[in-house]
Amino acid sequence: RRVKVTWTAGVSSENGAYGLYPVRCQEVLMEDSEAWFASDAGIYVGQSRHVIVRNNIAKKNVAGLEIENTQFADVYGNTVEENTAGLVVFDLPGNPVVGRDVKIHDNSIRNNNEPNFAPGGVVSVLPAGTGTFALASRRVEISGNTYANNNTVDIAILNGLVFESDEAKWEIARADLVGDISGLVLAETTDGVANYATSEILISGNTHSGSGTSPDVESPSKRELGFLIGLLYGDTPVDTVLYDAIGEASFSATVPGDNSNTNHICVSGETGATFASLDIEKLQKAPVLANVYRPAAPFVPFDCTTLTGGPVVAPTVPQAAAAK
């Protein structure tokens, strides 16, 4: 509470990776703090359970605020601006804490267009201009946030195989699992599960303006997604919400009824939003908008308004914080 971390050199790949960094913790409260100029993530929570991150400021970092391999997190009231990427949620391959039930709401996620200065790691592949992405994630609610002027895309929903295509690296032995995986859609392996799939994502009630106007096409060999988006859209503004459609039973760029929603991705009640479902495999061979499903609102069949397993469970506020 009320901690500030910064690097006096400003933007530099020689800066430390993380500002505030609880990892492998339980019952975490982070509030009223700031992080600037981290070369990985300014405010990070990893491999933790029952977490509240609220009313913080993250600016000028590579990733502003990062929730990684974490269960039951409530993230709200944060100002996440002027980073490479704003507020991100993902699982690393094979980590024994399988991320679930992350609620991201009522945050300001604007102007996240700083050049990527990470020396390595997962965030080094993030295209500048990313507002939020959920990768290898499940049961995530993204609601009531304000998105503006993120040059590549406001929200991207991605399967973990986009980042690491070797399914074997995502395997977790059942005996090593930490926390609760009940009700989650995970790939079964010989003696456990794999955590690359993304499913049960609800995007609702966010406002969007001014984003997707200048995708990051630098370093195409390192940041392939930004390059693909830029190549695909050209001078056309990028759709507000992008979904990679990996794992869908069926896909059609032209016939709404020929698109499945196997992963149960819900986009509803957005203000100023457009939506696109991408057949990544086809687009890698022919990156043209004719191969993209871009439905008008209400984005059928992605117009669901609830998650099939019930609402995301956010942790209760710790007693001491409630009495503040």
Protein backbone atom coordinates (compact mmCIF):
# COMPACT_ATOMS: atom_id res chain seq x y z
CA ARG A 1 0.00 0.00 0.00
CA ARG A 2 1.27 3.45 -1.05
CA VAL A 3 4.57 2.24 -2.51
CA LYS A 4 6.24 3.81 -5.56
CA VAL A 5 8.87 2.11 -7.72
CA THR A 6 10.71 3.82 -10.56
CA TRP A 7 13.98 3.84 -12.47
CA THR A 8 15.72 7.22 -12.66
CA ALA A 9 17.23 6.46 -16.08
CA GLY A 10 13.76 6.47 -17.62
CA VAL A 11 13.08 4.02 -20.47
CA SER A 12 15.96 1.53 -20.66
CA SER A 13 16.30 -2.18 -21.36
CA GLU A 14 18.83 -2.25 -18.51
CA ASN A 15 16.15 -1.40 -15.95
CA GLY A 16 14.96 -4.09 -13.57
CA ALA A 17 12.26 -6.38 -14.86
CA TYR A 18 9.57 -5.77 -12.24
CA GLY A 19 8.35 -2.97 -10.03
CA LEU A 20 5.97 -4.56 -7.52
CA TYR A 21 6.17 -8.36 -7.61
CA PRO A 22 4.19 -10.65 -5.29
CA VAL A 23 4.69 -14.22 -6.50
CA ARG A 24 3.48 -17.53 -5.04
CA CYS A 25 1.42 -15.66 -2.46
CA GLN A 26 -2.07 -15.94 -1.03
CA GLU A 27 -4.51 -13.24 0.12
CA VAL A 28 -2.76 -10.32 -1.57
CA LEU A 29 -3.86 -6.68 -1.49
CA MET A 30 -2.03 -4.12 -3.65
CA GLU A 31 -3.42 -0.59 -3.60
CA ASP A 32 -2.59 3.10 -4.01
CA SER A 33 0.86 2.32 -5.42
CA GLU A 34 2.81 3.28 -8.55
CA ALA A 35 5.32 1.63 -10.88
CA TRP A 36 7.23 3.33 -13.71
CA PHE A 37 9.85 2.21 -16.28
CA ALA A 38 10.01 -1.54 -15.51
CA SER A 39 11.52 -3.49 -18.42
CA ASP A 40 8.98 -6.30 -17.97
CA ALA A 41 5.94 -5.51 -15.80
CA GLY A 42 5.39 -2.54 -13.52
CA ILE A 43 2.76 -4.15 -11.31
CA TYR A 44 2.84 -7.94 -11.40
CA VAL A 45 1.01 -10.72 -9.59
CA GLY A 46 2.11 -14.26 -10.40
CA GLN A 47 1.27 -17.79 -9.33
CA SER A 48 -0.91 -16.43 -6.54
CA ARG A 49 -4.40 -16.96 -5.19
CA HIS A 50 -7.05 -14.59 -3.84
CA VAL A 51 -5.75 -11.22 -4.98
CA ILE A 52 -7.01 -7.64 -5.07
CA VAL A 53 -5.18 -5.03 -7.16
CA ARG A 54 -6.88 -1.64 -6.97
CA ASN A 55 -6.34 2.09 -7.41
CA ASN A 56 -2.74 1.84 -8.61
CA ILE A 57 -0.85 3.69 -11.35
CA ALA A 58 1.33 1.92 -13.92
CA LYS A 59 3.07 4.07 -16.54
CA LYS A 60 6.02 3.83 -18.93
CA ASN A 61 6.55 0.10 -18.35
CA VAL A 62 6.62 -2.62 -21.00
CA ALA A 63 3.57 -4.31 -19.44
CA GLY A 64 1.77 -1.95 -17.11
CA LEU A 65 -0.19 -4.39 -14.97
CA GLU A 66 0.17 -8.15 -15.33
CA ILE A 67 -1.84 -11.02 -13.81
CA GLU A 68 -0.01 -14.28 -14.51
CA ASN A 69 -0.98 -17.85 -13.53
CA THR A 70 -3.22 -16.47 -10.79
CA GLN A 71 -6.52 -17.68 -9.36
CA PHE A 72 -9.35 -15.48 -8.07
CA ALA A 73 -8.22 -11.89 -8.69
CA ASP A 74 -10.16 -8.64 -8.60
CA VAL A 75 -8.42 -5.84 -10.53
CA TYR A 76 -10.13 -2.44 -10.54
CA GLY A 77 -9.74 1.31 -10.31
CA ASN A 78 -6.24 1.27 -11.79
CA THR A 79 -4.72 3.80 -14.18
CA VAL A 80 -2.70 1.88 -16.76
CA GLU A 81 -1.42 4.33 -19.35
CA GLU A 82 1.58 5.03 -21.59
CA ASN A 83 3.04 1.52 -21.39
CA THR A 84 3.87 -0.79 -24.31
CA ALA A 85 0.87 -2.92 -23.29
CA GLY A 86 -1.61 -1.93 -20.63
CA LEU A 87 -3.27 -4.65 -18.57
CA VAL A 88 -2.52 -8.26 -19.46
CA VAL A 89 -3.66 -11.67 -18.20
CA PHE A 90 -1.95 -14.89 -19.16
CA ASP A 91 -0.57 -18.27 -18.16
CA LEU A 92 2.99 -19.38 -18.75
CA PRO A 93 3.44 -22.86 -20.20
CA GLY A 94 3.28 -25.70 -17.73
CA ASN A 95 3.06 -23.60 -14.58
CA PRO A 96 1.41 -25.57 -11.75
CA VAL A 97 -0.95 -22.71 -10.83
CA VAL A 98 -3.53 -22.68 -13.64
CA GLY A 99 -4.99 -19.19 -13.95
CA ARG A 100 -8.73 -18.74 -13.48
CA ASP A 101 -11.43 -16.32 -12.30
CA VAL A 102 -9.85 -12.95 -12.99
CA LYS A 103 -12.13 -9.91 -12.91
CA ILE A 104 -10.80 -6.77 -14.64
CA HIS A 105 -13.17 -3.85 -14.28
CA ASP A 106 -13.39 -0.07 -14.04
CA ASN A 107 -9.79 0.62 -15.04
CA SER A 108 -8.40 3.34 -17.34
CA ILE A 109 -6.36 1.71 -20.13
CA ARG A 110 -5.24 4.46 -22.48
CA ASN A 111 -2.36 5.52 -24.72
CA ASN A 112 -0.34 2.35 -24.29
CA ASN A 113 1.96 2.93 -27.26
CA GLU A 114 5.49 3.09 -25.84
CA PRO A 115 8.13 1.19 -27.85
CA ASN A 116 8.88 -2.26 -26.44
CA PHE A 117 12.16 -2.07 -24.49
CA ALA A 118 12.08 -5.52 -22.85
CA PRO A 119 15.44 -7.32 -23.16
CA GLY A 120 13.68 -10.70 -23.39
CA GLY A 121 10.91 -12.85 -21.91
CA VAL A 122 7.25 -13.16 -22.81
CA VAL A 123 6.57 -9.42 -22.88
CA SER A 124 9.31 -8.83 -25.47
CA VAL A 125 6.89 -10.13 -28.11
CA LEU A 126 4.13 -7.66 -27.19
CA PRO A 127 3.33 -5.17 -29.93
CA ALA A 128 3.29 -1.58 -28.77
CA GLY A 129 -0.23 -0.21 -28.71
CA THR A 130 -1.91 -3.14 -26.93
CA GLY A 131 -4.57 -2.30 -24.36
CA THR A 132 -5.38 -5.73 -22.90
CA PHE A 133 -4.79 -9.30 -23.89
CA ALA A 134 -5.92 -12.57 -22.31
CA LEU A 135 -3.68 -15.45 -23.38
CA ALA A 136 -3.95 -19.07 -22.19
CA SER A 137 -6.64 -17.81 -19.82
CA ARG A 138 -9.99 -19.01 -18.62
CA ARG A 139 -12.91 -17.47 -16.77
CA VAL A 140 -11.90 -13.83 -17.22
CA GLU A 141 -14.32 -10.89 -17.07
CA ILE A 142 -13.27 -7.62 -18.72
CA SER A 143 -15.96 -5.06 -17.97
CA GLY A 144 -16.58 -1.37 -17.40
CA ASN A 145 -13.07 -0.32 -18.44
CA THR A 146 -12.22 2.77 -20.47
CA TYR A 147 -10.02 2.07 -23.51
CA ALA A 148 -8.66 4.89 -25.66
CA ASN A 149 -5.89 5.49 -28.19
CA ASN A 150 -4.13 2.12 -28.00
CA ASN A 151 -2.64 2.09 -31.49
CA THR A 152 -2.63 -1.67 -32.22
CA VAL A 153 -5.73 -3.07 -30.49
CA ASP A 154 -7.80 -2.56 -27.35
CA ILE A 155 -8.50 -6.22 -26.45
CA ALA A 156 -7.04 -9.44 -27.88
CA ILE A 157 -8.16 -12.95 -26.88
CA LEU A 158 -5.45 -15.49 -27.70
CA ASN A 159 -4.72 -19.18 -27.30
CA GLY A 160 -1.36 -19.92 -25.67
CA LEU A 161 -0.21 -21.78 -28.78
CA VAL A 162 0.16 -18.39 -30.49
CA PHE A 163 3.05 -17.75 -28.11
CA GLU A 164 4.40 -21.29 -27.67
CA SER A 165 3.34 -23.79 -30.33
CA ASP A 166 4.83 -26.89 -28.64
CA GLU A 167 1.89 -28.42 -26.76
CA ALA A 168 4.23 -30.59 -24.68
CA LYS A 169 5.64 -27.49 -22.96
CA TRP A 170 2.17 -26.70 -21.62
CA GLU A 171 1.78 -30.04 -19.81
CA ILE A 172 1.37 -30.13 -16.02
CA ALA A 173 1.44 -33.36 -14.05
CA ARG A 174 -1.73 -33.70 -12.00
CA ALA A 175 0.32 -34.29 -8.85
CA ASP A 176 2.02 -30.90 -9.30
CA LEU A 177 -1.14 -28.81 -9.68
CA VAL A 178 -1.66 -26.05 -7.12
CA GLY A 179 -5.08 -24.60 -6.32
CA ASP A 180 -8.47 -25.24 -7.88
CA ILE A 181 -8.99 -26.43 -11.48
CA SER A 182 -12.57 -27.61 -11.01
CA GLY A 183 -14.87 -26.63 -13.88
CA LEU A 184 -12.06 -25.49 -16.17
CA VAL A 185 -11.68 -26.54 -19.80
CA LEU A 186 -8.14 -27.93 -20.03
CA ALA A 187 -6.54 -30.32 -22.48
CA GLU A 188 -6.00 -33.76 -20.96
CA THR A 189 -2.52 -35.30 -21.13
CA THR A 190 -1.20 -38.72 -20.16
CA ASP A 191 -0.79 -37.89 -16.47
CA GLY A 192 -2.27 -34.40 -16.17
CA VAL A 193 -3.45 -31.38 -18.13
CA ALA A 194 -2.15 -28.70 -20.49
CA ASN A 195 -2.98 -25.02 -19.92
CA TYR A 196 -2.73 -23.43 -23.39
CA ALA A 197 -6.45 -23.13 -24.19
CA THR A 198 -8.39 -19.91 -23.67
CA SER A 199 -12.07 -20.20 -22.82
CA GLU A 200 -14.93 -18.57 -20.93
CA ILE A 201 -14.05 -14.90 -21.52
CA LEU A 202 -16.70 -12.21 -20.96
CA ILE A 203 -16.11 -8.75 -22.42
CA SER A 204 -18.92 -6.39 -21.54
CA GLY A 205 -19.73 -2.75 -20.85
CA ASN A 206 -16.36 -1.28 -21.82
CA THR A 207 -16.01 1.99 -23.73
CA HIS A 208 -13.63 2.39 -26.67
CA SER A 209 -12.34 5.33 -28.67
CA GLY A 210 -9.46 6.20 -30.95
CA SER A 211 -7.64 2.84 -30.95
CA GLY A 212 -6.34 0.57 -33.70
CA THR A 213 -5.12 3.37 -35.95
CA SER A 214 -1.40 2.50 -36.21
CA PRO A 215 -0.45 -1.12 -35.43
CA ASP A 216 3.10 -1.90 -34.34
CA VAL A 217 4.74 -3.50 -37.36
CA GLU A 218 8.33 -3.14 -36.14
CA SER A 219 10.46 -6.26 -35.61
CA PRO A 220 8.23 -8.68 -37.58
CA SER A 221 10.41 -11.67 -36.66
CA LYS A 222 10.00 -10.93 -32.94
CA ARG A 223 6.52 -9.42 -32.69
CA GLU A 224 4.68 -11.42 -35.32
CA LEU A 225 1.18 -10.60 -34.07
CA GLY A 226 1.60 -6.85 -34.47
CA PHE A 227 3.10 -7.32 -37.92
CA LEU A 228 0.24 -9.62 -38.96
CA ILE A 229 -2.38 -7.17 -37.71
CA GLY A 230 -0.71 -4.31 -39.56
CA LEU A 231 -0.42 -6.34 -42.76
CA LEU A 232 -4.00 -7.54 -42.46
CA TYR A 233 -5.70 -4.21 -41.81
CA GLY A 234 -3.48 -1.83 -43.78
CA ASP A 235 -5.15 1.61 -43.67
CA THR A 236 -8.37 0.16 -42.17
CA PRO A 237 -8.75 0.75 -38.40
CA VAL A 238 -8.15 -2.45 -36.45
CA ASP A 239 -11.24 -3.97 -34.87
CA THR A 240 -11.56 -3.19 -31.18
CA VAL A 241 -11.74 -6.80 -29.98
CA LEU A 242 -9.72 -9.51 -31.76
CA TYR A 243 -10.17 -13.24 -31.17
CA ASP A 244 -7.83 -15.83 -32.71
CA ALA A 245 -10.52 -18.55 -33.01
CA ILE A 246 -8.04 -21.34 -32.20
CA GLY A 247 -9.96 -24.40 -31.05
CA GLU A 248 -13.24 -23.43 -32.67
CA ALA A 249 -15.18 -26.29 -34.26
CA SER A 250 -16.08 -24.24 -37.33
CA PHE A 251 -15.19 -20.90 -38.94
CA SER A 252 -16.57 -18.82 -41.79
CA ALA A 253 -15.65 -15.31 -42.82
CA THR A 254 -19.02 -14.76 -44.49
CA VAL A 255 -21.75 -16.92 -42.95
CA PRO A 256 -22.54 -16.15 -39.29
CA GLY A 257 -24.24 -19.51 -38.74
CA ASP A 258 -21.10 -21.35 -39.82
CA ASN A 259 -19.10 -19.96 -36.90
CA SER A 260 -18.98 -21.91 -33.66
CA ASN A 261 -18.39 -20.49 -30.20
CA THR A 262 -16.80 -23.60 -28.76
CA ASN A 263 -14.58 -21.61 -26.37
CA HIS A 264 -17.50 -19.50 -25.14
CA ILE A 265 -16.13 -16.03 -25.84
CA CYS A 266 -18.75 -13.36 -25.05
CA VAL A 267 -18.65 -9.78 -26.33
CA SER A 268 -21.71 -7.71 -25.43
CA GLY A 269 -22.82 -4.27 -24.37
CA GLU A 270 -19.67 -2.55 -25.63
CA THR A 271 -19.63 1.15 -26.52
CA GLY A 272 -17.73 2.12 -29.66
CA ALA A 273 -16.55 -1.44 -30.31
CA THR A 274 -16.12 -3.66 -33.34
CA PHE A 275 -15.22 -7.36 -33.28
CA ALA A 276 -13.25 -9.75 -35.45
CA SER A 277 -12.67 -13.50 -35.31
CA LEU A 278 -9.43 -14.49 -37.03
CA ASP A 279 -8.59 -17.81 -38.62
CA ILE A 280 -4.91 -17.48 -37.72
CA GLU A 281 -3.71 -20.45 -39.76
CA LYS A 282 -5.40 -19.19 -42.94
CA LEU A 283 -4.31 -15.61 -42.33
CA GLN A 284 -0.67 -16.60 -42.03
CA LYS A 285 -0.96 -17.82 -45.63
CA ALA A 286 -3.28 -15.11 -46.95
CA PRO A 287 -3.46 -12.03 -44.65
CA VAL A 288 -6.51 -10.32 -46.14
CA LEU A 289 -9.65 -9.05 -44.43
CA ALA A 290 -11.74 -11.29 -46.69
CA ASN A 291 -10.55 -14.17 -44.48
CA VAL A 292 -11.75 -12.48 -41.27
CA TYR A 293 -15.20 -12.81 -39.69
CA ARG A 294 -16.24 -9.25 -38.80
CA PRO A 295 -19.89 -9.32 -37.72
CA ALA A 296 -21.86 -6.23 -36.90
CA ALA A 297 -23.13 -5.89 -33.33
CA PRO A 298 -24.39 -7.95 -31.56
CA PHE A 299 -21.50 -10.14 -32.88
CA VAL A 300 -23.38 -13.44 -33.33
CA PRO A 301 -22.49 -16.13 -32.18
CA PHE A 302 -20.28 -14.31 -29.67
CA ASP A 303 -23.20 -12.29 -28.29
CA CYS A 304 -23.56 -14.31 -25.07
CA THR A 305 -23.80 -12.31 -21.85
CA THR A 306 -22.90 -14.86 -19.16
CA LEU A 307 -20.28 -17.53 -18.63
CA THR A 308 -21.46 -21.13 -18.69
CA GLY A 309 -19.81 -21.97 -15.38
CA GLY A 310 -21.44 -19.07 -13.57
CA PRO A 311 -20.01 -15.62 -12.77
CA VAL A 312 -16.34 -15.07 -12.04
CA VAL A 313 -15.64 -15.28 -8.31
CA ALA A 314 -13.70 -12.26 -7.04
CA PRO A 315 -12.10 -12.40 -3.57
CA THR A 316 -13.73 -10.54 -0.72
CA VAL A 317 -11.99 -7.42 0.53
CA PRO A 318 -9.71 -8.17 3.51
CA GLN A 319 -11.17 -6.96 6.78
CA ALA A 320 -8.43 -4.40 7.46
CA ALA A 321 -8.83 -2.85 4.03
CA ALA A 322 -12.60 -2.71 4.33
CA ALA A 323 -12.28 -0.73 7.53
CA LYS A 324 -9.90 1.83 5.97
